[in-house]
C-alpha atoms as a PDB file:
ATOM      1  CA  MET A   1     -27.655   4.159  19.093  1.00  0.00           C
ATOM      2  CA  GLY A   2     -27.150   3.135  22.783  1.00  0.00           C
ATOM      3  CA  LYS A   3     -24.301   4.298  25.202  1.00  0.00           C
ATOM      4  CA  ALA A   4     -22.075   2.462  27.671  1.00  0.00           C
ATOM      5  CA  TRP A   5     -20.796   3.549  30.650  1.00  0.00           C
ATOM      6  CA  ARG A   6     -18.961   0.718  32.209  1.00  0.00           C
ATOM      7  CA  LEU A   7     -15.303   1.942  33.220  1.00  0.00           C
ATOM      8  CA  TRP A   8     -12.027   0.333  32.159  1.00  0.00           C
ATOM      9  CA  PRO A   9     -10.531  -1.271  35.043  1.00  0.00           C
ATOM     10  CA  SER A  10      -7.044  -0.335  34.714  1.00  0.00           C
ATOM     11  CA  HIS A  11      -7.269   3.334  33.395  1.00  0.00           C
ATOM     12  CA  GLY A  12     -10.742   4.477  34.282  1.00  0.00           C
ATOM     13  CA  CYS A  13     -12.283   5.534  30.854  1.00  0.00           C
ATOM     14  CA  ALA A  14     -15.090   4.525  29.346  1.00  0.00           C
ATOM     15  CA  LEU A  15     -16.364   4.840  25.708  1.00  0.00           C
ATOM     16  CA  LEU A  16     -19.433   6.544  24.119  1.00  0.00           C
ATOM     17  CA  LEU A  17     -20.641   6.317  21.084  1.00  0.00           C
ATOM     18  CA  LEU A  18     -21.928   9.775  19.959  1.00  0.00           C
ATOM     19  CA  GLY A  19     -24.407   8.953  16.778  1.00  0.00           C
ATOM     20  CA  CYS A  20     -24.165   7.953  13.271  1.00  0.00           C
ATOM     21  CA  MET A  21     -24.596  11.629  10.962  1.00  0.00           C
ATOM     22  CA  VAL A  22     -26.686  10.667   7.658  1.00  0.00           C
ATOM     23  CA  LEU A  23     -24.746  12.821   4.773  1.00  0.00           C
ATOM     24  CA  THR A  24     -27.068  11.343   2.236  1.00  0.00           C
ATOM     25  CA  GLY A  25     -29.634   8.892   1.001  1.00  0.00           C
ATOM     26  CA  CYS A  26     -28.935   5.536  -0.118  1.00  0.00           C
ATOM     27  CA  ALA A  27     -29.439   4.887  -4.156  1.00  0.00           C
ATOM     28  CA  GLY A  28     -32.272   2.340  -4.846  1.00  0.00           C
ATOM     29  CA  VAL A  29     -31.913  -1.155  -5.862  1.00  0.00           C
ATOM     30  CA  SER A  30     -31.739  -2.605  -9.419  1.00  0.00           C
ATOM     31  CA  SER A  31     -32.323  -6.038 -10.743  1.00  0.00           C
ATOM     32  CA  GLY A  32     -30.748  -7.789 -13.518  1.00  0.00           C
ATOM     33  CA  GLY A  33     -29.349 -11.506 -14.101  1.00  0.00           C
ATOM     34  CA  GLN A  34     -26.722 -13.277 -16.104  1.00  0.00           C
ATOM     35  CA  SER A  35     -27.584 -17.157 -17.217  1.00  0.00           C
ATOM     36  CA  ALA A  36     -25.584 -20.218 -18.480  1.00  0.00           C
ATOM     37  CA  ASN A  37     -29.070 -21.292 -20.407  1.00  0.00           C
ATOM     38  CA  SER A  38     -31.828 -19.726 -22.119  1.00  0.00           C
ATOM     39  CA  ASN A  39     -34.186 -19.503 -19.142  1.00  0.00           C
ATOM     40  CA  PRO A  40     -32.681 -17.427 -16.425  1.00  0.00           C
ATOM     41  CA  ASN A  41     -35.436 -18.241 -13.540  1.00  0.00           C
ATOM     42  CA  PRO A  42     -37.057 -21.267 -13.540  1.00  0.00           C
ATOM     43  CA  SER A  43     -39.295 -22.516 -11.171  1.00  0.00           C
ATOM     44  CA  PRO A  44     -38.252 -24.196  -8.132  1.00  0.00           C
ATOM     45  CA  ALA A  45     -38.740 -28.014  -7.928  1.00  0.00           C
ATOM     46  CA  PRO A  46     -40.675 -29.156  -5.179  1.00  0.00           C
ATOM     47  CA  SER A  47     -37.874 -30.972  -1.994  1.00  0.00           C
ATOM     48  CA  PRO A  48     -36.399 -34.465  -2.792  1.00  0.00           C
ATOM     49  CA  SER A  49     -37.081 -37.047  -1.037  1.00  0.00           C
ATOM     50  CA  PRO A  50     -33.830 -37.767   1.531  1.00  0.00           C
ATOM     51  CA  SER A  51     -34.385 -41.709  -0.067  1.00  0.00           C
ATOM     52  CA  ASP A  52     -34.769 -41.019  -3.467  1.00  0.00           C
ATOM     53  CA  PRO A  53     -30.833 -42.503  -4.727  1.00  0.00           C
ATOM     54  CA  SER A  54     -31.356 -40.408  -7.923  1.00  0.00           C
ATOM     55  CA  GLN A  55     -31.006 -36.842  -6.322  1.00  0.00           C
ATOM     56  CA  LEU A  56     -29.072 -33.808  -6.481  1.00  0.00           C
ATOM     57  CA  SER A  57     -28.580 -31.857  -3.487  1.00  0.00           C
ATOM     58  CA  VAL A  58     -27.252 -28.100  -3.201  1.00  0.00           C
ATOM     59  CA  ALA A  59     -25.330 -26.681  -0.032  1.00  0.00           C
ATOM     60  CA  PRO A  60     -25.703 -24.397   1.372  1.00  0.00           C
ATOM     61  CA  THR A  61     -29.254 -24.116   0.446  1.00  0.00           C
ATOM     62  CA  SER A  62     -28.939 -20.475   1.046  1.00  0.00           C
ATOM     63  CA  ILE A  63     -26.246 -18.149   0.502  1.00  0.00           C
ATOM     64  CA  ASN A  64     -26.050 -14.437   2.456  1.00  0.00           C
ATOM     65  CA  PHE A  65     -23.333 -12.259   1.891  1.00  0.00           C
ATOM     66  CA  GLY A  66     -24.049  -9.764   4.221  1.00  0.00           C
ATOM     67  CA  SER A  67     -22.864  -6.376   3.076  1.00  0.00           C
ATOM     68  CA  VAL A  68     -20.589  -5.571   0.708  1.00  0.00           C
ATOM     69  CA  ALA A  69     -19.295  -2.509  -0.276  1.00  0.00           C
ATOM     70  CA  VAL A  70     -20.747  -0.981  -3.992  1.00  0.00           C
ATOM     71  CA  GLY A  71     -17.912  -2.493  -6.293  1.00  0.00           C
ATOM     72  CA  SER A  72     -16.395  -4.498  -4.164  1.00  0.00           C
ATOM     73  CA  GLN A  73     -16.438  -8.510  -4.232  1.00  0.00           C
ATOM     74  CA  ALA A  74     -16.959 -11.118  -1.890  1.00  0.00           C
ATOM     75  CA  THR A  75     -16.944 -14.914  -2.746  1.00  0.00           C
ATOM     76  CA  GLN A  76     -18.652 -17.947  -0.865  1.00  0.00           C
ATOM     77  CA  ALA A  77     -18.360 -21.663  -2.132  1.00  0.00           C
ATOM     78  CA  GLY A  78     -21.259 -24.135  -2.611  1.00  0.00           C
ATOM     79  CA  THR A  79     -21.275 -27.593  -3.371  1.00  0.00           C
ATOM     80  CA  LEU A  80     -23.847 -29.924  -5.513  1.00  0.00           C
ATOM     81  CA  THR A  81     -23.634 -33.649  -4.499  1.00  0.00           C
ATOM     82  CA  ALA A  82     -24.932 -36.973  -5.903  1.00  0.00           C
ATOM     83  CA  GLY A  83     -26.946 -39.503  -4.177  1.00  0.00           C
ATOM     84  CA  ALA A  84     -26.893 -43.102  -4.952  1.00  0.00           C
ATOM     85  CA  ALA A  85     -26.631 -42.346  -8.861  1.00  0.00           C
ATOM     86  CA  ASP A  86     -24.465 -40.543 -11.343  1.00  0.00           C
ATOM     87  CA  ILE A  87     -25.955 -37.425 -11.590  1.00  0.00           C
ATOM     88  CA  ASN A  88     -25.686 -35.003 -15.101  1.00  0.00           C
ATOM     89  CA  VAL A  89     -25.893 -31.692 -14.594  1.00  0.00           C
ATOM     90  CA  THR A  90     -26.631 -29.643 -18.099  1.00  0.00           C
ATOM     91  CA  SER A  91     -26.725 -26.167 -16.971  1.00  0.00           C
ATOM     92  CA  ALA A  92     -26.955 -23.264 -14.320  1.00  0.00           C
ATOM     93  CA  ALA A  93     -29.196 -20.242 -14.451  1.00  0.00           C
ATOM     94  CA  TRP A  94     -28.425 -17.310 -12.059  1.00  0.00           C
ATOM     95  CA  SER A  95     -30.385 -14.211 -11.442  1.00  0.00           C
ATOM     96  CA  GLY A  96     -29.871 -10.699  -9.306  1.00  0.00           C
ATOM     97  CA  GLN A  97     -27.894  -8.223  -9.711  1.00  0.00           C
ATOM     98  CA  GLY A  98     -24.020  -8.704  -9.194  1.00  0.00           C
ATOM     99  CA  TYR A  99     -24.109 -12.264  -8.565  1.00  0.00           C
ATOM    100  CA  ASN A 100     -22.058 -15.039 -10.593  1.00  0.00           C
ATOM    101  CA  VAL A 101     -21.072 -18.523 -10.699  1.00  0.00           C
ATOM    102  CA  SER A 102     -17.292 -19.934 -11.281  1.00  0.00           C
ATOM    103  CA  GLY A 103     -15.228 -22.705 -10.946  1.00  0.00           C
ATOM    104  CA  ILE A 104     -17.802 -25.305 -12.800  1.00  0.00           C
ATOM    105  CA  THR A 105     -18.239 -26.071 -16.214  1.00  0.00           C
ATOM    106  CA  PHE A 106     -21.635 -27.406 -17.721  1.00  0.00           C
ATOM    107  CA  PRO A 107     -22.321 -30.110 -18.807  1.00  0.00           C
ATOM    108  CA  VAL A 108     -20.527 -32.066 -15.197  1.00  0.00           C
ATOM    109  CA  THR A 109     -21.091 -35.435 -14.221  1.00  0.00           C
ATOM    110  CA  VAL A 110     -21.407 -35.450 -10.521  1.00  0.00           C
ATOM    111  CA  ALA A 111     -20.707 -39.639  -9.405  1.00  0.00           C
ATOM    112  CA  ALA A 112     -22.924 -41.128  -7.283  1.00  0.00           C
ATOM    113  CA  GLY A 113     -22.076 -40.029  -3.392  1.00  0.00           C
ATOM    114  CA  LYS A 114     -19.696 -37.621  -4.652  1.00  0.00           C
ATOM    115  CA  SER A 115     -19.722 -33.923  -4.799  1.00  0.00           C
ATOM    116  CA  VAL A 116     -18.735 -30.786  -7.381  1.00  0.00           C
ATOM    117  CA  ASN A 117     -17.870 -27.376  -5.592  1.00  0.00           C
ATOM    118  CA  TYR A 118     -18.336 -24.302  -7.436  1.00  0.00           C
ATOM    119  CA  SER A 119     -17.924 -20.673  -6.117  1.00  0.00           C
ATOM    120  CA  VAL A 120     -20.520 -17.628  -6.441  1.00  0.00           C
ATOM    121  CA  THR A 121     -19.195 -14.308  -6.413  1.00  0.00           C
ATOM    122  CA  PHE A 122     -21.619 -11.229  -5.346  1.00  0.00           C
ATOM    123  CA  THR A 123     -20.336  -7.756  -6.818  1.00  0.00           C
ATOM    124  CA  PRO A 124     -22.776  -4.999  -6.143  1.00  0.00           C
ATOM    125  CA  GLN A 125     -23.434  -2.159  -8.356  1.00  0.00           C
ATOM    126  CA  SER A 126     -25.845  -0.236  -6.232  1.00  0.00           C
ATOM    127  CA  ALA A 127     -27.007   0.144  -2.532  1.00  0.00           C
ATOM    128  CA  GLY A 128     -29.403  -1.962  -0.809  1.00  0.00           C
ATOM    129  CA  ASP A 129     -30.785  -5.357  -0.508  1.00  0.00           C
ATOM    130  CA  ILE A 130     -30.572  -7.908  -3.573  1.00  0.00           C
ATOM    131  CA  ALA A 131     -31.289 -11.142  -3.884  1.00  0.00           C
ATOM    132  CA  GLY A 132     -30.942 -13.974  -6.541  1.00  0.00           C
ATOM    133  CA  SER A 133     -31.234 -17.339  -6.934  1.00  0.00           C
ATOM    134  CA  ILE A 134     -29.060 -20.193  -8.750  1.00  0.00           C
ATOM    135  CA  SER A 135     -31.303 -23.108  -9.950  1.00  0.00           C
ATOM    136  CA  PHE A 136     -29.029 -26.610 -11.657  1.00  0.00           C
ATOM    137  CA  VAL A 137     -30.638 -28.250 -14.429  1.00  0.00           C
ATOM    138  CA  ASN A 138     -30.074 -32.160 -14.242  1.00  0.00           C
ATOM    139  CA  ASP A 139     -31.321 -35.473 -15.022  1.00  0.00           C
ATOM    140  CA  GLY A 140     -31.983 -36.565 -11.390  1.00  0.00           C
ATOM    141  CA  SER A 141     -34.930 -36.911  -9.789  1.00  0.00           C
ATOM    142  CA  THR A 142     -35.416 -33.333  -8.821  1.00  0.00           C
ATOM    143  CA  SER A 143     -34.832 -30.781 -11.163  1.00  0.00           C
ATOM    144  CA  PRO A 144     -33.755 -27.771 -11.550  1.00  0.00           C
ATOM    145  CA  VAL A 145     -32.223 -27.942  -7.923  1.00  0.00           C
ATOM    146  CA  THR A 146     -32.599 -23.951  -6.774  1.00  0.00           C
ATOM    147  CA  GLN A 147     -29.910 -21.975  -4.119  1.00  0.00           C
ATOM    148  CA  THR A 148     -31.101 -18.767  -2.647  1.00  0.00           C
ATOM    149  CA  LEU A 149     -28.957 -15.845  -2.556  1.00  0.00           C
ATOM    150  CA  ASP A 150     -29.309 -12.689  -0.679  1.00  0.00           C
ATOM    151  CA  GLY A 151     -26.619  -9.618  -0.288  1.00  0.00           C
ATOM    152  CA  ASP A 152     -26.421  -5.961   0.529  1.00  0.00           C
ATOM    153  CA  GLY A 153     -25.134  -3.117  -1.594  1.00  0.00           C
ATOM    154  CA  GLY A 154     -23.698  -1.003   1.102  1.00  0.00           C
ATOM    155  CA  GLN A 155     -21.754   2.366   0.406  1.00  0.00           C
ATOM    156  CA  ALA A 156     -19.029   4.110   2.221  1.00  0.00           C
ATOM    157  CA  GLY A 157     -18.761   7.332   2.894  1.00  0.00           C
ATOM    158  CA  VAL A 158     -23.067   7.904   3.202  1.00  0.00           C
ATOM    159  CA  HIS A 159     -22.725   7.699   6.799  1.00  0.00           C
ATOM    160  CA  THR A 160     -20.278   8.485   9.631  1.00  0.00           C
ATOM    161  CA  VAL A 161     -19.987   7.132  13.344  1.00  0.00           C
ATOM    162  CA  GLY A 162     -18.596   9.744  16.331  1.00  0.00           C
ATOM    163  CA  LEU A 163     -17.088   7.882  19.161  1.00  0.00           C
ATOM    164  CA  SER A 164     -15.960   9.713  22.438  1.00  0.00           C
ATOM    165  CA  TRP A 165     -14.525   8.724  25.584  1.00  0.00           C
ATOM    166  CA  ASP A 166     -13.364   9.542  28.826  1.00  0.00           C
ATOM    167  CA  ALA A 167      -9.505  10.570  29.327  1.00  0.00           C
ATOM    168  CA  SER A 168      -7.803   8.135  31.009  1.00  0.00           C
ATOM    169  CA  ALA A 169      -6.599   8.601  34.670  1.00  0.00           C
ATOM    170  CA  SER A 170      -3.410   7.038  34.294  1.00  0.00           C
ATOM    171  CA  ALA A 171      -0.622   8.344  32.066  1.00  0.00           C
ATOM    172  CA  VAL A 172      -1.156   7.916  28.704  1.00  0.00           C
ATOM    173  CA  ILE A 173       0.323   8.671  25.348  1.00  0.00           C
ATOM    174  CA  GLY A 174      -2.596   7.886  23.322  1.00  0.00           C
ATOM    175  CA  TYR A 175      -5.599   5.637  22.188  1.00  0.00           C
ATOM    176  CA  ASN A 176      -6.381   3.140  19.924  1.00  0.00           C
ATOM    177  CA  VAL A 177     -10.122   2.706  18.348  1.00  0.00           C
ATOM    178  CA  TYR A 178     -10.959  -1.127  17.280  1.00  0.00           C
ATOM    179  CA  ARG A 179     -14.115  -1.968  15.463  1.00  0.00           C
ATOM    180  CA  GLY A 180     -16.014  -5.357  14.684  1.00  0.00           C
ATOM    181  CA  THR A 181     -19.135  -6.132  13.074  1.00  0.00           C
ATOM    182  CA  GLN A 182     -19.711  -9.243  15.811  1.00  0.00           C
ATOM    183  CA  SER A 183     -20.517  -8.295  19.377  1.00  0.00           C
ATOM    184  CA  GLY A 184     -17.798  -9.475  21.163  1.00  0.00           C
ATOM    185  CA  GLY A 185     -15.387  -9.431  18.242  1.00  0.00           C
ATOM    186  CA  PRO A 186     -12.650  -9.837  16.621  1.00  0.00           C
ATOM    187  CA  TYR A 187     -11.895  -6.237  16.105  1.00  0.00           C
ATOM    188  CA  GLN A 188      -9.815  -4.997  13.597  1.00  0.00           C
ATOM    189  CA  ARG A 189      -7.551  -1.449  14.462  1.00  0.00           C
ATOM    190  CA  LEU A 190      -8.696   1.350  12.737  1.00  0.00           C
ATOM    191  CA  THR A 191      -6.309   4.123  14.163  1.00  0.00           C
ATOM    192  CA  SER A 192      -2.562   3.720  12.359  1.00  0.00           C
ATOM    193  CA  SER A 193      -1.271   4.878  15.767  1.00  0.00           C
ATOM    194  CA  PRO A 194      -2.190   6.209  19.368  1.00  0.00           C
ATOM    195  CA  GLN A 195      -3.822   9.358  18.713  1.00  0.00           C
ATOM    196  CA  ALA A 196      -3.991  12.110  21.282  1.00  0.00           C
ATOM    197  CA  GLY A 197      -7.628  13.020  21.631  1.00  0.00           C
ATOM    198  CA  THR A 198     -10.829  11.390  23.085  1.00  0.00           C
ATOM    199  CA  ASN A 199     -12.810  11.755  20.286  1.00  0.00           C
ATOM    200  CA  TYR A 200     -12.485  10.024  16.683  1.00  0.00           C
ATOM    201  CA  THR A 201     -14.818   9.894  13.275  1.00  0.00           C
ATOM    202  CA  ASP A 202     -14.972   6.588  11.835  1.00  0.00           C
ATOM    203  CA  SER A 203     -16.106   7.828   8.220  1.00  0.00           C
ATOM    204  CA  THR A 204     -15.679   4.029   6.387  1.00  0.00           C
ATOM    205  CA  VAL A 205     -19.237   2.449   7.813  1.00  0.00           C
ATOM    206  CA  LEU A 206     -20.947   0.658   5.127  1.00  0.00           C
ATOM    207  CA  THR A 207     -24.693   1.199   4.656  1.00  0.00           C
ATOM    208  CA  GLY A 208     -26.966  -1.588   6.099  1.00  0.00           C
ATOM    209  CA  THR A 209     -24.447  -2.722   8.586  1.00  0.00           C
ATOM    210  CA  THR A 210     -24.139  -2.885  12.493  1.00  0.00           C
ATOM    211  CA  TYR A 211     -20.977  -2.246  14.024  1.00  0.00           C
ATOM    212  CA  TYR A 212     -19.360  -2.625  17.778  1.00  0.00           C
ATOM    213  CA  TYR A 213     -16.161  -0.375  18.633  1.00  0.00           C
ATOM    214  CA  VAL A 214     -14.025  -0.604  21.439  1.00  0.00           C
ATOM    215  CA  ALA A 215     -11.130   1.596  22.397  1.00  0.00           C
ATOM    216  CA  THR A 216      -7.628   1.130  24.523  1.00  0.00           C
ATOM    217  CA  ALA A 217      -5.622   3.307  26.175  1.00  0.00           C
ATOM    218  CA  VAL A 218      -1.973   3.234  25.499  1.00  0.00           C
ATOM    219  CA  ASP A 219       1.043   4.165  27.526  1.00  0.00           C
ATOM    220  CA  SER A 220       4.647   5.064  27.308  1.00  0.00           C
ATOM    221  CA  SER A 221       5.923   2.056  26.810  1.00  0.00           C
ATOM    222  CA  HIS A 222       3.246   1.517  24.265  1.00  0.00           C
ATOM    223  CA  VAL A 223       1.430  -1.294  26.660  1.00  0.00           C
ATOM    224  CA  GLU A 224      -2.019  -1.375  25.676  1.00  0.00           C
ATOM    225  CA  SER A 225      -4.848  -1.341  28.274  1.00  0.00           C
ATOM    226  CA  VAL A 226      -7.424  -3.902  27.879  1.00  0.00           C
ATOM    227  CA  TYR A 227     -10.714  -3.298  25.772  1.00  0.00           C
ATOM    228  CA  SER A 228     -13.081  -0.510  26.898  1.00  0.00           C
ATOM    229  CA  ASN A 229     -16.427  -1.141  26.955  1.00  0.00           C
ATOM    230  CA  GLN A 230     -18.474  -1.912  23.624  1.00  0.00           C
ATOM    231  CA  ALA A 231     -20.201   0.483  21.841  1.00  0.00           C
ATOM    232  CA  GLN A 232     -22.391  -0.290  19.393  1.00  0.00           C
ATOM    233  CA  ALA A 233     -23.725   1.715  15.987  1.00  0.00           C
ATOM    234  CA  VAL A 234     -26.517   0.432  13.590  1.00  0.00           C
ATOM    235  CA  VAL A 235     -25.684   2.155  10.340  1.00  0.00           C
ATOM    236  CA  PRO A 236     -29.082   2.783   8.007  1.00  0.00           C
END
């Protein structure tokens, strides 16, 4: 956990990250799979030649869901595209605990030069890194065409992050705390209303995620200061 001491230009306050309190350990990872045909994990085909008119391509070639709370669901889109000839996609097989493919029915014909979209959902049932893949069986020059999947099952309430900051030198009614998962924002406000104290505990963090925090001071007219310096917390 790092700490930063750069001051707010307008209020003379700095945000200090106290640390990440580990309450319990993380559960292990279990693996499973679902399949749209009888072979749940066919061997991937070699990469097709870009000049092959009868090839099927998948985009993106890899989907990373990041950290998703155990029991929650995240969805991303995928696309199948045919080359210069029609491609018949007869089935798909996917593996990895918590992954599912929807929005597409097999068999499906992808017309030459056209695309067919589908959705991939990730609903982790245990904590930890979960890898998977989707293989699309087709009558093109390369079959199956494979897309790799990865995501982390995160558990809320396993860890907490404590924050503390210096009191503003100006007259304020309280402070707001914001959190993001990218350095520099965007941030989402955690406090429902300005709090009078100069410390805050975030108990909604997920395992395996890095968070970035900033705070603001709020005056009697409910005008917020600029963001404080940013504090980073790496949740194991």
